[in-house]
């Protein structure tokens, strides 16, 4: 998710504010991650496998979307503000995770 958000921002010449607590993580996933001593939020942000589409849209369009379930996890900001994660304060959202198109 982190890579995709950063790619969207870079291509659109904008910044973003992502709210950690709004990431759609199921209770079962939270429980399973706890069992194996992994952080569910880190897995969602940096794990490399998205199972939901990531997109942006103006507020006036969001209110018109019908018949599709989605979760708002953040907002687009001015590029000068960067791409940040709000989690008990602000910190940069790092670019990390698997890239299917990497040349490595």
PDB file of N, CA and C in Angstrom:
ATOM      1  N   UNK A   1       0.822  -1.192   0.000  1.00  0.00           N
ATOM      2  CA  UNK A   1       0.000   0.000   0.000  1.00  0.00           C
ATOM      3  C   UNK A   1       0.867   1.257   0.000  1.00  0.00           C
ATOM      4  N   UNK A   2       1.932   1.229   0.780  1.00  0.00           N
ATOM      5  CA  UNK A   2       2.822   2.390   0.865  1.00  0.00           C
ATOM      6  C   UNK A   2       3.362   2.771  -0.511  1.00  0.00           C
ATOM      7  N   UNK A   3       3.858   1.784  -1.249  1.00  0.00           N
ATOM      8  CA  UNK A   3       4.398   2.073  -2.583  1.00  0.00           C
ATOM      9  C   UNK A   3       3.346   2.668  -3.495  1.00  0.00           C
ATOM     10  N   UNK A   4       2.153   2.106  -3.467  1.00  0.00           N
ATOM     11  CA  UNK A   4       1.096   2.570  -4.369  1.00  0.00           C
ATOM     12  C   UNK A   4       0.678   4.000  -4.046  1.00  0.00           C
ATOM     13  N   UNK A   5       0.561   4.307  -2.776  1.00  0.00           N
ATOM     14  CA  UNK A   5       0.208   5.673  -2.385  1.00  0.00           C
ATOM     15  C   UNK A   5       1.291   6.643  -2.831  1.00  0.00           C
ATOM     16  N   UNK A   6       2.538   6.282  -2.605  1.00  0.00           N
ATOM     17  CA  UNK A   6       3.639   7.159  -3.012  1.00  0.00           C
ATOM     18  C   UNK A   6       3.674   7.308  -4.529  1.00  0.00           C
ATOM     19  N   UNK A   7       3.423   6.237  -5.275  1.00  0.00           N
ATOM     20  CA  UNK A   7       3.397   6.325  -6.743  1.00  0.00           C
ATOM     21  C   UNK A   7       2.287   7.259  -7.217  1.00  0.00           C
ATOM     22  N   UNK A   8       1.101   7.123  -6.641  1.00  0.00           N
ATOM     23  CA  UNK A   8      -0.012   8.004  -7.004  1.00  0.00           C
ATOM     24  C   UNK A   8       0.374   9.462  -6.743  1.00  0.00           C
ATOM     25  N   UNK A   9       0.952   9.722  -5.588  1.00  0.00           N
ATOM     26  CA  UNK A   9       1.342  11.092  -5.235  1.00  0.00           C
ATOM     27  C   UNK A   9       2.436  11.629  -6.155  1.00  0.00           C
ATOM     28  N   UNK A  10       3.433  10.815  -6.433  1.00  0.00           N
ATOM     29  CA  UNK A  10       4.512  11.264  -7.319  1.00  0.00           C
ATOM     30  C   UNK A  10       3.991  11.572  -8.716  1.00  0.00           C
ATOM     31  N   UNK A  11       3.152  10.704  -9.257  1.00  0.00           N
ATOM     32  CA  UNK A  11       2.624  10.906 -10.609  1.00  0.00           C
ATOM     33  C   UNK A  11       1.658  12.084 -10.681  1.00  0.00           C
ATOM     34  N   UNK A  12       0.982  12.364  -9.581  1.00  0.00           N
ATOM     35  CA  UNK A  12      -0.003  13.450  -9.558  1.00  0.00           C
ATOM     36  C   UNK A  12       0.553  14.750  -8.999  1.00  0.00           C
ATOM     37  N   UNK A  13       1.826  14.711  -8.567  1.00  0.00           N
ATOM     38  CA  UNK A  13       2.484  15.906  -8.039  1.00  0.00           C
ATOM     39  C   UNK A  13       1.744  16.466  -6.816  1.00  0.00           C
ATOM     40  N   UNK A  14       1.365  15.561  -5.896  1.00  0.00           N
ATOM     41  CA  UNK A  14       0.654  15.937  -4.685  1.00  0.00           C
ATOM     42  C   UNK A  14       1.259  15.228  -3.479  1.00  0.00           C
ATOM     43  N   UNK A  15       0.797  15.584  -2.301  1.00  0.00           N
ATOM     44  CA  UNK A  15       1.145  14.889  -1.071  1.00  0.00           C
ATOM     45  C   UNK A  15      -0.068  14.126  -0.577  1.00  0.00           C
ATOM     46  N   UNK A  16       0.082  13.438   0.544  1.00  0.00           N
ATOM     47  CA  UNK A  16      -1.053  12.706   1.111  1.00  0.00           C
ATOM     48  C   UNK A  16      -0.888  12.585   2.615  1.00  0.00           C
ATOM     49  N   UNK A  17      -2.024  12.491   3.266  1.00  0.00           N
ATOM     50  CA  UNK A  17      -2.074  12.249   4.701  1.00  0.00           C
ATOM     51  C   UNK A  17      -2.865  10.956   4.864  1.00  0.00           C
ATOM     52  N   UNK A  18      -2.219   9.918   5.423  1.00  0.00           N
ATOM     53  CA  UNK A  18      -2.851   8.619   5.608  1.00  0.00           C
ATOM     54  C   UNK A  18      -3.086   8.395   7.096  1.00  0.00           C
ATOM     55  N   UNK A  19      -4.297   7.981   7.441  1.00  0.00           N
ATOM     56  CA  UNK A  19      -4.673   7.737   8.836  1.00  0.00           C
ATOM     57  C   UNK A  19      -4.536   6.248   9.139  1.00  0.00           C
ATOM     58  N   UNK A  20      -3.525   5.902   9.923  1.00  0.00           N
ATOM     59  CA  UNK A  20      -3.242   4.498  10.230  1.00  0.00           C
ATOM     60  C   UNK A  20      -4.477   3.764  10.744  1.00  0.00           C
ATOM     61  N   UNK A  21      -5.212   4.379  11.660  1.00  0.00           N
ATOM     62  CA  UNK A  21      -6.346   3.687  12.277  1.00  0.00           C
ATOM     63  C   UNK A  21      -7.495   3.437  11.303  1.00  0.00           C
ATOM     64  N   UNK A  22      -7.452   4.052  10.122  1.00  0.00           N
ATOM     65  CA  UNK A  22      -8.519   3.847   9.140  1.00  0.00           C
ATOM     66  C   UNK A  22      -8.196   2.742   8.131  1.00  0.00           C
ATOM     67  N   UNK A  23      -7.001   2.185   8.205  1.00  0.00           N
ATOM     68  CA  UNK A  23      -6.669   1.098   7.282  1.00  0.00           C
ATOM     69  C   UNK A  23      -7.620  -0.071   7.531  1.00  0.00           C
ATOM     70  N   UNK A  24      -8.202  -0.626   6.461  1.00  0.00           N
ATOM     71  CA  UNK A  24      -9.179  -1.705   6.637  1.00  0.00           C
ATOM     72  C   UNK A  24      -8.502  -3.048   6.927  1.00  0.00           C
ATOM     73  N   UNK A  25      -8.368  -3.353   8.207  1.00  0.00           N
ATOM     74  CA  UNK A  25      -7.744  -4.610   8.637  1.00  0.00           C
ATOM     75  C   UNK A  25      -8.775  -5.372   9.456  1.00  0.00           C
ATOM     76  N   UNK A  26      -9.051  -6.596   9.058  1.00  0.00           N
ATOM     77  CA  UNK A  26     -10.075  -7.385   9.750  1.00  0.00           C
ATOM     78  C   UNK A  26      -9.619  -7.781  11.152  1.00  0.00           C
ATOM     79  N   UNK A  27     -10.583  -8.059  11.996  1.00  0.00           N
ATOM     80  CA  UNK A  27     -10.268  -8.510  13.352  1.00  0.00           C
ATOM     81  C   UNK A  27      -9.484  -9.816  13.318  1.00  0.00           C
ATOM     82  N   UNK A  28      -9.829 -10.694  12.385  1.00  0.00           N
ATOM     83  CA  UNK A  28      -9.118 -11.972  12.262  1.00  0.00           C
ATOM     84  C   UNK A  28      -7.652 -11.735  11.894  1.00  0.00           C
ATOM     85  N   UNK A  29      -7.410 -10.827  10.980  1.00  0.00           N
ATOM     86  CA  UNK A  29      -6.027 -10.512  10.597  1.00  0.00           C
ATOM     87  C   UNK A  29      -5.267  -9.934  11.782  1.00  0.00           C
ATOM     88  N   UNK A  30      -5.908  -9.050  12.521  1.00  0.00           N
ATOM     89  CA  UNK A  30      -5.253  -8.471  13.712  1.00  0.00           C
ATOM     90  C   UNK A  30      -4.878  -9.582  14.693  1.00  0.00           C
ATOM     91  N   UNK A  31      -5.799 -10.493  14.913  1.00  0.00           N
ATOM     92  CA  UNK A  31      -5.583 -11.600  15.844  1.00  0.00           C
ATOM     93  C   UNK A  31      -4.468 -12.531  15.348  1.00  0.00           C
ATOM     94  N   UNK A  32      -4.498 -12.861  14.064  1.00  0.00           N
ATOM     95  CA  UNK A  32      -3.483 -13.749  13.501  1.00  0.00           C
ATOM     96  C   UNK A  32      -2.092 -13.118  13.540  1.00  0.00           C
ATOM     97  N   UNK A  33      -2.010 -11.828  13.245  1.00  0.00           N
ATOM     98  CA  UNK A  33      -0.718 -11.136  13.299  1.00  0.00           C
ATOM     99  C   UNK A  33      -0.176 -11.126  14.725  1.00  0.00           C
ATOM    100  N   UNK A  34      -1.053 -10.933  15.674  1.00  0.00           N
ATOM    101  CA  UNK A  34      -0.628 -10.938  17.078  1.00  0.00           C
ATOM    102  C   UNK A  34      -0.041 -12.304  17.447  1.00  0.00           C
ATOM    103  N   UNK A  35      -0.677 -13.381  16.975  1.00  0.00           N
ATOM    104  CA  UNK A  35      -0.199 -14.744  17.257  1.00  0.00           C
ATOM    105  C   UNK A  35       1.228 -14.963  16.751  1.00  0.00           C
ATOM    106  N   UNK A  36       1.520 -14.419  15.588  1.00  0.00           N
ATOM    107  CA  UNK A  36       2.851 -14.632  15.004  1.00  0.00           C
ATOM    108  C   UNK A  36       3.791 -13.452  15.255  1.00  0.00           C
ATOM    109  N   UNK A  37       3.370 -12.588  16.171  1.00  0.00           N
ATOM    110  CA  UNK A  37       4.186 -11.448  16.618  1.00  0.00           C
ATOM    111  C   UNK A  37       4.582 -10.526  15.460  1.00  0.00           C
ATOM    112  N   UNK A  38       3.597 -10.223  14.616  1.00  0.00           N
ATOM    113  CA  UNK A  38       3.801  -9.268  13.541  1.00  0.00           C
ATOM    114  C   UNK A  38       2.818  -8.126  13.705  1.00  0.00           C
ATOM    115  N   UNK A  39       3.162  -6.978  13.166  1.00  0.00           N
ATOM    116  CA  UNK A  39       2.321  -5.802  13.243  1.00  0.00           C
ATOM    117  C   UNK A  39       1.393  -5.776  12.018  1.00  0.00           C
ATOM    118  N   UNK A  40       0.103  -5.892  12.248  1.00  0.00           N
ATOM    119  CA  UNK A  40      -0.867  -5.930  11.153  1.00  0.00           C
ATOM    120  C   UNK A  40      -0.826  -4.659  10.306  1.00  0.00           C
ATOM    121  N   UNK A  41      -0.626  -3.519  10.949  1.00  0.00           N
ATOM    122  CA  UNK A  41      -0.564  -2.258  10.201  1.00  0.00           C
ATOM    123  C   UNK A  41       0.673  -2.215   9.301  1.00  0.00           C
ATOM    124  N   UNK A  42       1.804  -2.668   9.806  1.00  0.00           N
ATOM    125  CA  UNK A  42       3.004  -2.709   8.969  1.00  0.00           C
ATOM    126  C   UNK A  42       2.822  -3.664   7.798  1.00  0.00           C
ATOM    127  N   UNK A  43       2.165  -4.797   8.050  1.00  0.00           N
ATOM    128  CA  UNK A  43       1.905  -5.732   6.956  1.00  0.00           C
ATOM    129  C   UNK A  43       1.012  -5.095   5.898  1.00  0.00           C
ATOM    130  N   UNK A  44      -0.013  -4.369   6.328  1.00  0.00           N
ATOM    131  CA  UNK A  44      -0.909  -3.711   5.387  1.00  0.00           C
ATOM    132  C   UNK A  44      -0.177  -2.623   4.592  1.00  0.00           C
ATOM    133  N   UNK A  45       0.654  -1.862   5.260  1.00  0.00           N
ATOM    134  CA  UNK A  45       1.355  -0.760   4.595  1.00  0.00           C
ATOM    135  C   UNK A  45       2.524  -1.219   3.730  1.00  0.00           C
ATOM    136  N   UNK A  46       3.267  -2.211   4.194  1.00  0.00           N
ATOM    137  CA  UNK A  46       4.533  -2.540   3.544  1.00  0.00           C
ATOM    138  C   UNK A  46       4.645  -3.987   3.071  1.00  0.00           C
ATOM    139  N   UNK A  47       3.593  -4.783   3.219  1.00  0.00           N
ATOM    140  CA  UNK A  47       3.651  -6.206   2.904  1.00  0.00           C
ATOM    141  C   UNK A  47       3.713  -6.542   1.426  1.00  0.00           C
ATOM    142  N   UNK A  48       3.191  -5.682   0.573  1.00  0.00           N
ATOM    143  CA  UNK A  48       3.335  -5.906  -0.855  1.00  0.00           C
ATOM    144  C   UNK A  48       2.169  -6.567  -1.554  1.00  0.00           C
ATOM    145  N   UNK A  49       1.140  -6.960  -0.859  1.00  0.00           N
ATOM    146  CA  UNK A  49      -0.015  -7.578  -1.517  1.00  0.00           C
ATOM    147  C   UNK A  49      -1.272  -6.800  -1.156  1.00  0.00           C
ATOM    148  N   UNK A  50      -1.789  -6.030  -2.105  1.00  0.00           N
ATOM    149  CA  UNK A  50      -3.017  -5.287  -1.873  1.00  0.00           C
ATOM    150  C   UNK A  50      -4.199  -6.124  -2.341  1.00  0.00           C
ATOM    151  N   UNK A  51      -5.216  -6.181  -1.534  1.00  0.00           N
ATOM    152  CA  UNK A  51      -6.415  -6.913  -1.896  1.00  0.00           C
ATOM    153  C   UNK A  51      -7.598  -5.974  -2.058  1.00  0.00           C
ATOM    154  N   UNK A  52      -7.327  -4.709  -2.094  1.00  0.00           N
ATOM    155  CA  UNK A  52      -8.317  -3.693  -2.397  1.00  0.00           C
ATOM    156  C   UNK A  52      -7.653  -2.704  -3.343  1.00  0.00           C
ATOM    157  N   UNK A  53      -8.449  -2.057  -4.160  1.00  0.00           N
ATOM    158  CA  UNK A  53      -7.918  -1.041  -5.050  1.00  0.00           C
ATOM    159  C   UNK A  53      -7.618   0.219  -4.264  1.00  0.00           C
ATOM    160  N   UNK A  54      -6.599   0.925  -4.697  1.00  0.00           N
ATOM    161  CA  UNK A  54      -6.263   2.216  -4.108  1.00  0.00           C
ATOM    162  C   UNK A  54      -6.554   3.265  -5.169  1.00  0.00           C
ATOM    163  N   UNK A  55      -7.360   4.261  -4.802  1.00  0.00           N
ATOM    164  CA  UNK A  55      -7.670   5.312  -5.762  1.00  0.00           C
ATOM    165  C   UNK A  55      -7.907   6.622  -5.027  1.00  0.00           C
ATOM    166  N   UNK A  56      -7.882   7.689  -5.774  1.00  0.00           N
ATOM    167  CA  UNK A  56      -8.216   9.003  -5.232  1.00  0.00           C
ATOM    168  C   UNK A  56      -9.361   9.573  -6.053  1.00  0.00           C
ATOM    169  N   UNK A  57     -10.119  10.438  -5.417  1.00  0.00           N
ATOM    170  CA  UNK A  57     -11.226  11.113  -6.105  1.00  0.00           C
ATOM    171  C   UNK A  57     -11.573  12.367  -5.320  1.00  0.00           C
ATOM    172  N   UNK A  58     -12.048  13.388  -6.004  1.00  0.00           N
ATOM    173  CA  UNK A  58     -12.486  14.595  -5.303  1.00  0.00           C
ATOM    174  C   UNK A  58     -13.673  14.284  -4.385  1.00  0.00           C
ATOM    175  N   UNK A  59     -13.812  15.054  -3.312  1.00  0.00           N
ATOM    176  CA  UNK A  59     -14.912  14.843  -2.357  1.00  0.00           C
ATOM    177  C   UNK A  59     -16.269  14.863  -3.051  1.00  0.00           C
ATOM    178  N   UNK A  60     -16.436  15.746  -4.027  1.00  0.00           N
ATOM    179  CA  UNK A  60     -17.733  15.840  -4.704  1.00  0.00           C
ATOM    180  C   UNK A  60     -18.058  14.560  -5.482  1.00  0.00           C
ATOM    181  N   UNK A  61     -17.046  13.816  -5.885  1.00  0.00           N
ATOM    182  CA  UNK A  61     -17.254  12.554  -6.602  1.00  0.00           C
ATOM    183  C   UNK A  61     -17.487  11.408  -5.616  1.00  0.00           C
ATOM    184  N   UNK A  62     -16.750  11.408  -4.512  1.00  0.00           N
ATOM    185  CA  UNK A  62     -16.872  10.344  -3.505  1.00  0.00           C
ATOM    186  C   UNK A  62     -18.324  10.193  -3.056  1.00  0.00           C
ATOM    187  N   UNK A  63     -18.997  11.295  -2.822  1.00  0.00           N
ATOM    188  CA  UNK A  63     -20.386  11.236  -2.333  1.00  0.00           C
ATOM    189  C   UNK A  63     -21.349  10.666  -3.382  1.00  0.00           C
ATOM    190  N   UNK A  64     -20.925  10.612  -4.633  1.00  0.00           N
ATOM    191  CA  UNK A  64     -21.788  10.106  -5.699  1.00  0.00           C
ATOM    192  C   UNK A  64     -21.543   8.631  -6.024  1.00  0.00           C
ATOM    193  N   UNK A  65     -20.501   8.036  -5.447  1.00  0.00           N
ATOM    194  CA  UNK A  65     -20.198   6.635  -5.742  1.00  0.00           C
ATOM    195  C   UNK A  65     -21.211   5.747  -5.035  1.00  0.00           C
ATOM    196  N   UNK A  66     -21.912   4.961  -5.808  1.00  0.00           N
ATOM    197  CA  UNK A  66     -22.948   4.073  -5.264  1.00  0.00           C
ATOM    198  C   UNK A  66     -22.641   2.626  -5.662  1.00  0.00           C
ATOM    199  N   UNK A  67     -23.018   1.703  -4.804  1.00  0.00           N
ATOM    200  CA  UNK A  67     -22.908   0.284  -5.131  1.00  0.00           C
ATOM    201  C   UNK A  67     -21.521  -0.311  -4.991  1.00  0.00           C
ATOM    202  N   UNK A  68     -20.580   0.470  -4.494  1.00  0.00           N
ATOM    203  CA  UNK A  68     -19.213  -0.013  -4.299  1.00  0.00           C
ATOM    204  C   UNK A  68     -18.805   0.315  -2.874  1.00  0.00           C
ATOM    205  N   UNK A  69     -18.371  -0.696  -2.148  1.00  0.00           N
ATOM    206  CA  UNK A  69     -17.925  -0.461  -0.778  1.00  0.00           C
ATOM    207  C   UNK A  69     -16.456  -0.041  -0.796  1.00  0.00           C
ATOM    208  N   UNK A  70     -16.129   1.015  -0.112  1.00  0.00           N
ATOM    209  CA  UNK A  70     -14.742   1.468  -0.028  1.00  0.00           C
ATOM    210  C   UNK A  70     -14.502   2.127   1.310  1.00  0.00           C
ATOM    211  N   UNK A  71     -13.237   2.268   1.656  1.00  0.00           N
ATOM    212  CA  UNK A  71     -12.835   2.879   2.919  1.00  0.00           C
ATOM    213  C   UNK A  71     -11.960   4.084   2.627  1.00  0.00           C
ATOM    214  N   UNK A  72     -12.297   5.212   3.183  1.00  0.00           N
ATOM    215  CA  UNK A  72     -11.455   6.402   3.045  1.00  0.00           C
ATOM    216  C   UNK A  72     -10.369   6.305   4.113  1.00  0.00           C
ATOM    217  N   UNK A  73      -9.105   6.256   3.665  1.00  0.00           N
ATOM    218  CA  UNK A  73      -7.983   6.089   4.599  1.00  0.00           C
ATOM    219  C   UNK A  73      -7.127   7.334   4.724  1.00  0.00           C
ATOM    220  N   UNK A  74      -7.469   8.369   3.983  1.00  0.00           N
ATOM    221  CA  UNK A  74      -6.647   9.574   4.049  1.00  0.00           C
ATOM    222  C   UNK A  74      -7.168  10.645   3.127  1.00  0.00           C
ATOM    223  N   UNK A  75      -6.293  11.586   2.848  1.00  0.00           N
ATOM    224  CA  UNK A  75      -6.658  12.685   1.969  1.00  0.00           C
ATOM    225  C   UNK A  75      -5.436  13.184   1.217  1.00  0.00           C
ATOM    226  N   UNK A  76      -5.698  13.750   0.067  1.00  0.00           N
ATOM    227  CA  UNK A  76      -4.634  14.323  -0.757  1.00  0.00           C
ATOM    228  C   UNK A  76      -4.329  15.718  -0.222  1.00  0.00           C
ATOM    229  N   UNK A  77      -3.048  16.051  -0.169  1.00  0.00           N
ATOM    230  CA  UNK A  77      -2.602  17.348   0.345  1.00  0.00           C
ATOM    231  C   UNK A  77      -1.654  17.992  -0.659  1.00  0.00           C
ATOM    232  N   UNK A  78      -1.166  19.154  -0.312  1.00  0.00           N
ATOM    233  CA  UNK A  78      -0.177  19.847  -1.121  1.00  0.00           C
ATOM    234  C   UNK A  78       1.127  19.044  -1.122  1.00  0.00           C
ATOM    235  N   UNK A  79       1.792  19.013  -2.249  1.00  0.00           N
ATOM    236  CA  UNK A  79       3.044  18.257  -2.373  1.00  0.00           C
ATOM    237  C   UNK A  79       4.072  18.673  -1.321  1.00  0.00           C
ATOM    238  N   UNK A  80       4.096  19.960  -0.957  1.00  0.00           N
ATOM    239  CA  UNK A  80       5.067  20.461   0.027  1.00  0.00           C
ATOM    240  C   UNK A  80       4.939  19.760   1.376  1.00  0.00           C
ATOM    241  N   UNK A  81       3.743  19.266   1.684  1.00  0.00           N
ATOM    242  CA  UNK A  81       3.517  18.589   2.958  1.00  0.00           C
ATOM    243  C   UNK A  81       4.025  17.154   2.955  1.00  0.00           C
ATOM    244  N   UNK A  82       4.330  16.630   1.771  1.00  0.00           N
ATOM    245  CA  UNK A  82       4.862  15.279   1.664  1.00  0.00           C
ATOM    246  C   UNK A  82       3.791  14.214   1.796  1.00  0.00           C
ATOM    247  N   UNK A  83       4.248  12.974   1.887  1.00  0.00           N
ATOM    248  CA  UNK A  83       3.357  11.836   2.072  1.00  0.00           C
ATOM    249  C   UNK A  83       3.591  11.355   3.493  1.00  0.00           C
ATOM    250  N   UNK A  84       2.588  11.550   4.344  1.00  0.00           N
ATOM    251  CA  UNK A  84       2.778  11.260   5.767  1.00  0.00           C
ATOM    252  C   UNK A  84       1.760  10.243   6.276  1.00  0.00           C
ATOM    253  N   UNK A  85       2.160   9.570   7.328  1.00  0.00           N
ATOM    254  CA  UNK A  85       1.305   8.633   8.045  1.00  0.00           C
ATOM    255  C   UNK A  85       0.996   9.249   9.394  1.00  0.00           C
ATOM    256  N   UNK A  86      -0.269   9.341   9.724  1.00  0.00           N
ATOM    257  CA  UNK A  86      -0.664   9.845  11.042  1.00  0.00           C
ATOM    258  C   UNK A  86      -0.845   8.651  11.968  1.00  0.00           C
ATOM    259  N   UNK A  87       0.023   8.595  12.964  1.00  0.00           N
ATOM    260  CA  UNK A  87       0.040   7.492  13.923  1.00  0.00           C
ATOM    261  C   UNK A  87       0.650   8.034  15.207  1.00  0.00           C
ATOM    262  N   UNK A  88      -0.196   8.573  16.087  1.00  0.00           N
ATOM    263  CA  UNK A  88       0.309   9.237  17.295  1.00  0.00           C
ATOM    264  C   UNK A  88       1.324  10.310  16.919  1.00  0.00           C
ATOM    265  N   UNK A  89       0.976  11.109  15.979  1.00  0.00           N
ATOM    266  CA  UNK A  89       1.853  12.135  15.435  1.00  0.00           C
ATOM    267  C   UNK A  89       2.054  11.868  13.956  1.00  0.00           C
ATOM    268  N   UNK A  90       2.800  12.729  13.321  1.00  0.00           N
ATOM    269  CA  UNK A  90       3.067  12.591  11.896  1.00  0.00           C
ATOM    270  C   UNK A  90       4.452  12.027  11.675  1.00  0.00           C
ATOM    271  N   UNK A  91       4.563  11.163  10.677  1.00  0.00           N
ATOM    272  CA  UNK A  91       5.876  10.687  10.242  1.00  0.00           C
ATOM    273  C   UNK A  91       5.788  10.393   8.746  1.00  0.00           C
ATOM    274  N   UNK A  92       6.898  10.488   8.039  1.00  0.00           N
ATOM    275  CA  UNK A  92       6.849  10.207   6.603  1.00  0.00           C
ATOM    276  C   UNK A  92       6.411   8.765   6.352  1.00  0.00           C
ATOM    277  N   UNK A  93       5.605   8.581   5.328  1.00  0.00           N
ATOM    278  CA  UNK A  93       5.231   7.235   4.898  1.00  0.00           C
ATOM    279  C   UNK A  93       6.351   6.738   4.004  1.00  0.00           C
ATOM    280  N   UNK A  94       7.086   5.754   4.474  1.00  0.00           N
ATOM    281  CA  UNK A  94       8.253   5.299   3.725  1.00  0.00           C
ATOM    282  C   UNK A  94       7.833   4.501   2.500  1.00  0.00           C
ATOM    283  N   UNK A  95       8.691   4.489   1.526  1.00  0.00           N
ATOM    284  CA  UNK A  95       8.465   3.677   0.329  1.00  0.00           C
ATOM    285  C   UNK A  95       9.090   2.328   0.614  1.00  0.00           C
ATOM    286  N   UNK A  96       8.247   1.346   0.826  1.00  0.00           N
ATOM    287  CA  UNK A  96       8.729   0.008   1.128  1.00  0.00           C
ATOM    288  C   UNK A  96       7.665  -0.986   0.721  1.00  0.00           C
ATOM    289  N   UNK A  97       8.081  -2.182   0.395  1.00  0.00           N
ATOM    290  CA  UNK A  97       7.155  -3.225  -0.007  1.00  0.00           C
ATOM    291  C   UNK A  97       7.616  -3.862  -1.293  1.00  0.00           C
ATOM    292  N   UNK A  98       6.915  -4.857  -1.711  1.00  0.00           N
ATOM    293  CA  UNK A  98       7.274  -5.602  -2.916  1.00  0.00           C
ATOM    294  C   UNK A  98       6.841  -4.833  -4.157  1.00  0.00           C
ATOM    295  N   UNK A  99       7.694  -4.801  -5.168  1.00  0.00           N
ATOM    296  CA  UNK A  99       7.378  -4.140  -6.436  1.00  0.00           C
ATOM    297  C   UNK A  99       7.452  -5.180  -7.542  1.00  0.00           C
ATOM    298  N   UNK A 100       6.313  -5.545  -8.099  1.00  0.00           N
ATOM    299  CA  UNK A 100       6.251  -6.575  -9.138  1.00  0.00           C
ATOM    300  C   UNK A 100       7.036  -6.196 -10.393  1.00  0.00           C
ATOM    301  N   UNK A 101       7.199  -4.906 -10.629  1.00  0.00           N
ATOM    302  CA  UNK A 101       7.845  -4.456 -11.856  1.00  0.00           C
ATOM    303  C   UNK A 101       9.289  -4.022 -11.663  1.00  0.00           C
ATOM    304  N   UNK A 102       9.833  -4.279 -10.493  1.00  0.00           N
ATOM    305  CA  UNK A 102      11.210  -3.913 -10.209  1.00  0.00           C
ATOM    306  C   UNK A 102      12.163  -4.692 -11.100  1.00  0.00           C
ATOM    307  N   UNK A 103      13.259  -4.080 -11.461  1.00  0.00           N
ATOM    308  CA  UNK A 103      14.280  -4.729 -12.294  1.00  0.00           C
ATOM    309  C   UNK A 103      15.270  -5.523 -11.484  1.00  0.00           C
ATOM    310  N   UNK A 104      15.107  -5.558 -10.151  1.00  0.00           N
ATOM    311  CA  UNK A 104      16.049  -6.256  -9.280  1.00  0.00           C
ATOM    312  C   UNK A 104      15.887  -7.736  -9.360  1.00  0.00           C
TER     313      UNK A 104
END
